[in-house]
Amino acid sequence: MKNKMATFFIQDVYRITGIGAVPVGKVESGILRVGMKANIDGKLIEIKTIEKHHQQIKEAQTGDNVGIGIKVISQSSSANQNVSFFKRIFSTSDGGYDILKKYVRRSIEFL
């Protein structure tokens, strides 16, 4: 089945020990699924987990309030320096918190 676009409005970003940055918010449109990808500041990220009411789920419907765990997509060895910089940022203990924090009160489109 082909994934369609979903829009996720980030209400806040939390630092979770052992996980990193976890954006929380509301699915504004579409169905948000594990494995969907988004481009943030030119960097490609993927949803690795979705949680609703402390339960892991595989997809979230329009109107659901959820938290999402994210990861940076692996790039080939010819990837540009921005991608490797982003990988380094998301591998740190803050899990990209500062990068995601500037997206609070904004929507991200996942495909």
N, C-alpha and C. Protein backbone atom coordinates (compact mmCIF):
# COMPACT_ATOMS: atom_id res chain seq x y z
N MET A 1 0.84 -1.18 0.00
CA MET A 1 0.00 0.00 0.00
C MET A 1 0.89 1.25 0.00
N LYS A 2 0.56 2.19 -0.83
CA LYS A 2 1.33 3.42 -0.95
C LYS A 2 0.96 4.40 0.17
N ASN A 3 1.99 4.96 0.84
CA ASN A 3 1.74 5.96 1.88
C ASN A 3 1.34 7.28 1.24
N LYS A 4 0.31 7.90 1.80
CA LYS A 4 -0.09 9.22 1.37
C LYS A 4 0.42 10.23 2.38
N MET A 5 0.31 11.50 2.05
CA MET A 5 0.83 12.56 2.90
C MET A 5 0.00 12.70 4.18
N ALA A 6 0.69 13.02 5.27
CA ALA A 6 0.04 13.36 6.54
C ALA A 6 0.70 14.63 7.07
N THR A 7 -0.09 15.46 7.72
CA THR A 7 0.43 16.69 8.30
C THR A 7 0.38 16.57 9.82
N PHE A 8 1.54 16.84 10.47
CA PHE A 8 1.68 16.72 11.92
C PHE A 8 2.05 18.08 12.49
N PHE A 9 1.22 18.60 13.41
CA PHE A 9 1.46 19.89 14.05
C PHE A 9 2.20 19.64 15.36
N ILE A 10 3.42 20.16 15.47
CA ILE A 10 4.23 19.97 16.67
C ILE A 10 3.81 20.97 17.74
N GLN A 11 3.33 20.46 18.88
CA GLN A 11 2.94 21.31 19.99
C GLN A 11 4.10 21.55 20.95
N ASP A 12 4.99 20.56 21.07
CA ASP A 12 6.16 20.71 21.93
C ASP A 12 7.15 19.60 21.59
N VAL A 13 8.36 19.74 22.10
CA VAL A 13 9.40 18.72 21.93
C VAL A 13 9.98 18.44 23.31
N TYR A 14 10.06 17.17 23.65
CA TYR A 14 10.58 16.75 24.95
C TYR A 14 11.88 15.98 24.79
N ARG A 15 12.74 16.08 25.81
CA ARG A 15 13.94 15.26 25.87
C ARG A 15 13.62 14.05 26.73
N ILE A 16 13.78 12.87 26.15
CA ILE A 16 13.52 11.63 26.87
C ILE A 16 14.84 10.87 26.97
N THR A 17 15.26 10.59 28.19
CA THR A 17 16.52 9.88 28.41
C THR A 17 16.49 8.53 27.69
N GLY A 18 17.54 8.26 26.94
CA GLY A 18 17.66 7.01 26.22
C GLY A 18 16.98 7.01 24.86
N ILE A 19 16.16 8.03 24.59
CA ILE A 19 15.46 8.10 23.31
C ILE A 19 15.89 9.32 22.52
N GLY A 20 16.01 10.46 23.19
CA GLY A 20 16.37 11.70 22.52
C GLY A 20 15.18 12.63 22.45
N ALA A 21 15.11 13.41 21.39
CA ALA A 21 14.02 14.37 21.22
C ALA A 21 12.77 13.66 20.72
N VAL A 22 11.65 13.96 21.36
CA VAL A 22 10.36 13.38 20.96
C VAL A 22 9.38 14.52 20.71
N PRO A 23 9.07 14.80 19.43
CA PRO A 23 8.06 15.80 19.15
C PRO A 23 6.68 15.24 19.49
N VAL A 24 5.84 16.05 20.11
CA VAL A 24 4.47 15.66 20.41
C VAL A 24 3.53 16.67 19.77
N GLY A 25 2.39 16.19 19.33
CA GLY A 25 1.45 17.08 18.69
C GLY A 25 0.25 16.35 18.16
N LYS A 26 -0.38 16.98 17.18
CA LYS A 26 -1.65 16.50 16.65
C LYS A 26 -1.53 16.22 15.16
N VAL A 27 -2.09 15.11 14.74
CA VAL A 27 -2.17 14.79 13.32
C VAL A 27 -3.27 15.69 12.74
N GLU A 28 -2.89 16.63 11.88
CA GLU A 28 -3.86 17.57 11.32
C GLU A 28 -4.63 17.00 10.13
N SER A 29 -3.95 16.17 9.34
CA SER A 29 -4.61 15.57 8.18
C SER A 29 -3.89 14.29 7.81
N GLY A 30 -4.63 13.37 7.21
CA GLY A 30 -4.05 12.12 6.76
C GLY A 30 -3.87 11.12 7.89
N ILE A 31 -3.14 10.06 7.59
CA ILE A 31 -2.82 9.02 8.56
C ILE A 31 -1.30 8.98 8.70
N LEU A 32 -0.82 9.20 9.92
CA LEU A 32 0.62 9.19 10.21
C LEU A 32 1.01 7.76 10.51
N ARG A 33 2.00 7.23 9.78
CA ARG A 33 2.42 5.83 9.93
C ARG A 33 3.91 5.72 10.25
N VAL A 34 4.25 4.68 10.99
CA VAL A 34 5.66 4.35 11.21
C VAL A 34 6.28 4.13 9.83
N GLY A 35 7.47 4.70 9.62
CA GLY A 35 8.17 4.56 8.35
C GLY A 35 8.00 5.75 7.42
N MET A 36 7.04 6.64 7.72
CA MET A 36 6.87 7.83 6.88
C MET A 36 8.07 8.76 7.05
N LYS A 37 8.33 9.55 6.04
CA LYS A 37 9.52 10.41 6.03
C LYS A 37 9.12 11.88 5.87
N ALA A 38 10.02 12.75 6.36
CA ALA A 38 9.82 14.20 6.22
C ALA A 38 11.16 14.86 6.00
N ASN A 39 11.11 16.04 5.45
CA ASN A 39 12.30 16.85 5.23
C ASN A 39 12.25 18.02 6.21
N ILE A 40 13.23 18.09 7.10
CA ILE A 40 13.32 19.20 8.05
C ILE A 40 14.64 19.92 7.80
N ASP A 41 14.53 21.17 7.42
CA ASP A 41 15.71 21.98 7.09
C ASP A 41 16.64 21.27 6.11
N GLY A 42 16.07 20.59 5.14
CA GLY A 42 16.86 19.91 4.12
C GLY A 42 17.41 18.57 4.56
N LYS A 43 17.01 18.10 5.74
CA LYS A 43 17.47 16.81 6.25
C LYS A 43 16.31 15.83 6.28
N LEU A 44 16.54 14.60 5.85
CA LEU A 44 15.50 13.60 5.76
C LEU A 44 15.40 12.81 7.07
N ILE A 45 14.20 12.77 7.66
CA ILE A 45 13.98 12.00 8.88
C ILE A 45 12.88 10.97 8.64
N GLU A 46 12.83 9.96 9.50
CA GLU A 46 11.82 8.90 9.39
C GLU A 46 11.18 8.67 10.75
N ILE A 47 9.89 8.38 10.77
CA ILE A 47 9.20 8.05 12.01
C ILE A 47 9.54 6.61 12.36
N LYS A 48 10.14 6.40 13.54
CA LYS A 48 10.45 5.03 13.96
C LYS A 48 9.43 4.51 14.97
N THR A 49 8.79 5.38 15.75
CA THR A 49 7.74 4.96 16.67
C THR A 49 6.68 6.04 16.78
N ILE A 50 5.47 5.62 17.10
CA ILE A 50 4.37 6.54 17.40
C ILE A 50 3.75 6.05 18.70
N GLU A 51 3.51 6.98 19.64
CA GLU A 51 2.87 6.62 20.89
C GLU A 51 1.65 7.48 21.14
N LYS A 52 0.60 6.81 21.63
CA LYS A 52 -0.64 7.50 21.99
C LYS A 52 -1.07 6.94 23.35
N HIS A 53 -1.21 7.80 24.34
CA HIS A 53 -1.58 7.38 25.69
C HIS A 53 -0.64 6.29 26.22
N HIS A 54 0.66 6.49 26.01
CA HIS A 54 1.71 5.58 26.50
C HIS A 54 1.67 4.20 25.86
N GLN A 55 1.00 4.05 24.74
CA GLN A 55 0.94 2.79 24.00
C GLN A 55 1.53 3.01 22.62
N GLN A 56 2.44 2.10 22.21
CA GLN A 56 2.97 2.21 20.85
C GLN A 56 1.91 1.76 19.85
N ILE A 57 1.76 2.56 18.79
CA ILE A 57 0.83 2.24 17.72
C ILE A 57 1.55 2.34 16.38
N LYS A 58 1.01 1.74 15.34
CA LYS A 58 1.64 1.76 14.03
C LYS A 58 1.18 2.93 13.17
N GLU A 59 -0.01 3.49 13.50
CA GLU A 59 -0.49 4.63 12.75
C GLU A 59 -1.40 5.47 13.62
N ALA A 60 -1.47 6.76 13.29
CA ALA A 60 -2.32 7.71 14.01
C ALA A 60 -3.23 8.39 13.00
N GLN A 61 -4.48 8.55 13.39
CA GLN A 61 -5.50 9.14 12.53
C GLN A 61 -5.56 10.66 12.70
N THR A 62 -6.19 11.33 11.76
CA THR A 62 -6.44 12.77 11.87
C THR A 62 -7.13 13.05 13.20
N GLY A 63 -6.59 14.03 13.94
CA GLY A 63 -7.16 14.41 15.23
C GLY A 63 -6.46 13.77 16.41
N ASP A 64 -5.66 12.72 16.20
CA ASP A 64 -4.95 12.06 17.29
C ASP A 64 -3.81 12.92 17.82
N ASN A 65 -3.67 12.95 19.14
CA ASN A 65 -2.52 13.58 19.79
C ASN A 65 -1.52 12.48 20.10
N VAL A 66 -0.30 12.61 19.57
CA VAL A 66 0.69 11.55 19.70
C VAL A 66 2.09 12.12 19.93
N GLY A 67 3.00 11.26 20.32
CA GLY A 67 4.42 11.55 20.36
C GLY A 67 5.09 10.67 19.33
N ILE A 68 6.11 11.19 18.65
CA ILE A 68 6.79 10.38 17.63
C ILE A 68 8.28 10.30 17.91
N GLY A 69 8.81 9.11 17.78
CA GLY A 69 10.25 8.89 17.82
C GLY A 69 10.76 8.96 16.40
N ILE A 70 11.86 9.63 16.19
CA ILE A 70 12.37 9.83 14.83
C ILE A 70 13.81 9.37 14.71
N LYS A 71 14.23 9.12 13.48
CA LYS A 71 15.63 8.81 13.20
C LYS A 71 16.01 9.44 11.87
N VAL A 72 17.29 9.63 11.68
CA VAL A 72 17.80 10.16 10.42
C VAL A 72 18.00 8.99 9.47
N ILE A 73 17.55 9.14 8.26
CA ILE A 73 17.69 8.09 7.25
C ILE A 73 19.17 7.95 6.90
N SER A 74 19.65 6.73 6.79
CA SER A 74 21.03 6.49 6.37
C SER A 74 21.20 6.96 4.94
N GLN A 75 22.32 7.60 4.68
CA GLN A 75 22.62 8.10 3.35
C GLN A 75 23.83 7.37 2.81
N SER A 76 24.01 7.39 1.51
CA SER A 76 25.17 6.74 0.91
C SER A 76 26.44 7.49 1.29
N SER A 77 27.58 6.90 1.01
CA SER A 77 28.85 7.53 1.36
C SER A 77 29.06 8.84 0.61
N SER A 78 28.29 9.07 -0.45
CA SER A 78 28.43 10.32 -1.19
C SER A 78 27.51 11.41 -0.65
N ALA A 79 26.91 11.17 0.51
CA ALA A 79 26.00 12.16 1.10
C ALA A 79 26.75 13.46 1.37
N ASN A 80 26.01 14.56 1.30
CA ASN A 80 26.66 15.86 1.53
C ASN A 80 26.95 16.08 3.01
N GLN A 81 27.72 17.09 3.32
CA GLN A 81 28.14 17.36 4.69
C GLN A 81 26.97 17.72 5.59
N ASN A 82 25.93 18.35 5.05
CA ASN A 82 24.78 18.71 5.88
C ASN A 82 24.12 17.47 6.47
N VAL A 83 24.01 16.40 5.69
CA VAL A 83 23.38 15.18 6.18
C VAL A 83 24.23 14.56 7.28
N SER A 84 25.55 14.51 7.09
CA SER A 84 26.39 13.93 8.13
C SER A 84 26.38 14.80 9.38
N PHE A 85 26.28 16.12 9.23
CA PHE A 85 26.17 17.00 10.39
C PHE A 85 24.87 16.70 11.13
N PHE A 86 23.78 16.54 10.39
CA PHE A 86 22.48 16.25 10.99
C PHE A 86 22.52 14.90 11.71
N LYS A 87 23.16 13.91 11.11
CA LYS A 87 23.29 12.61 11.76
C LYS A 87 24.01 12.76 13.09
N ARG A 88 25.06 13.56 13.09
CA ARG A 88 25.83 13.76 14.32
C ARG A 88 24.97 14.44 15.38
N ILE A 89 24.20 15.44 14.99
CA ILE A 89 23.33 16.15 15.93
C ILE A 89 22.30 15.19 16.52
N PHE A 90 21.67 14.38 15.67
CA PHE A 90 20.63 13.47 16.15
C PHE A 90 21.22 12.27 16.89
N SER A 91 22.52 12.06 16.82
CA SER A 91 23.14 10.97 17.57
C SER A 91 23.58 11.43 18.96
N THR A 92 23.52 12.72 19.23
CA THR A 92 23.95 13.23 20.53
C THR A 92 22.89 12.94 21.58
N SER A 93 23.22 13.19 22.82
CA SER A 93 22.32 12.87 23.92
C SER A 93 21.01 13.66 23.85
N ASP A 94 21.02 14.84 23.23
CA ASP A 94 19.77 15.60 23.17
C ASP A 94 18.87 15.14 22.03
N GLY A 95 19.37 14.25 21.17
CA GLY A 95 18.54 13.67 20.12
C GLY A 95 17.97 14.67 19.15
N GLY A 96 18.64 15.79 18.93
CA GLY A 96 18.16 16.79 17.99
C GLY A 96 17.14 17.75 18.57
N TYR A 97 17.09 17.82 19.88
CA TYR A 97 16.11 18.66 20.58
C TYR A 97 16.11 20.10 20.07
N ASP A 98 17.29 20.71 19.99
CA ASP A 98 17.37 22.11 19.58
C ASP A 98 16.89 22.33 18.15
N ILE A 99 17.17 21.38 17.27
CA ILE A 99 16.73 21.51 15.88
C ILE A 99 15.21 21.44 15.81
N LEU A 100 14.62 20.46 16.50
CA LEU A 100 13.17 20.28 16.46
C LEU A 100 12.43 21.36 17.21
N LYS A 101 13.04 21.92 18.24
CA LYS A 101 12.37 22.92 19.08
C LYS A 101 11.91 24.11 18.25
N LYS A 102 12.65 24.46 17.19
CA LYS A 102 12.23 25.61 16.39
C LYS A 102 11.00 25.32 15.53
N TYR A 103 10.57 24.05 15.50
CA TYR A 103 9.36 23.68 14.76
C TYR A 103 8.11 23.63 15.65
N VAL A 104 8.25 23.98 16.92
CA VAL A 104 7.08 24.04 17.80
C VAL A 104 6.10 25.06 17.24
N ARG A 105 4.84 24.70 17.25
CA ARG A 105 3.74 25.51 16.71
C ARG A 105 3.79 25.62 15.19
N ARG A 106 4.44 24.63 14.57
CA ARG A 106 4.48 24.56 13.10
C ARG A 106 4.13 23.15 12.67
N SER A 107 3.74 23.01 11.43
CA SER A 107 3.37 21.71 10.89
C SER A 107 4.49 21.14 10.04
N ILE A 108 4.60 19.82 10.06
CA ILE A 108 5.55 19.11 9.22
C ILE A 108 4.75 18.14 8.36
N GLU A 109 5.08 18.06 7.07
CA GLU A 109 4.41 17.13 6.18
C GLU A 109 5.25 15.86 6.04
N PHE A 110 4.63 14.72 6.32
CA PHE A 110 5.28 13.42 6.18
C PHE A 110 4.70 12.72 4.95
N LEU A 111 5.57 12.03 4.21
CA LEU A 111 5.15 11.26 3.04
C LEU A 111 5.45 9.80 3.27
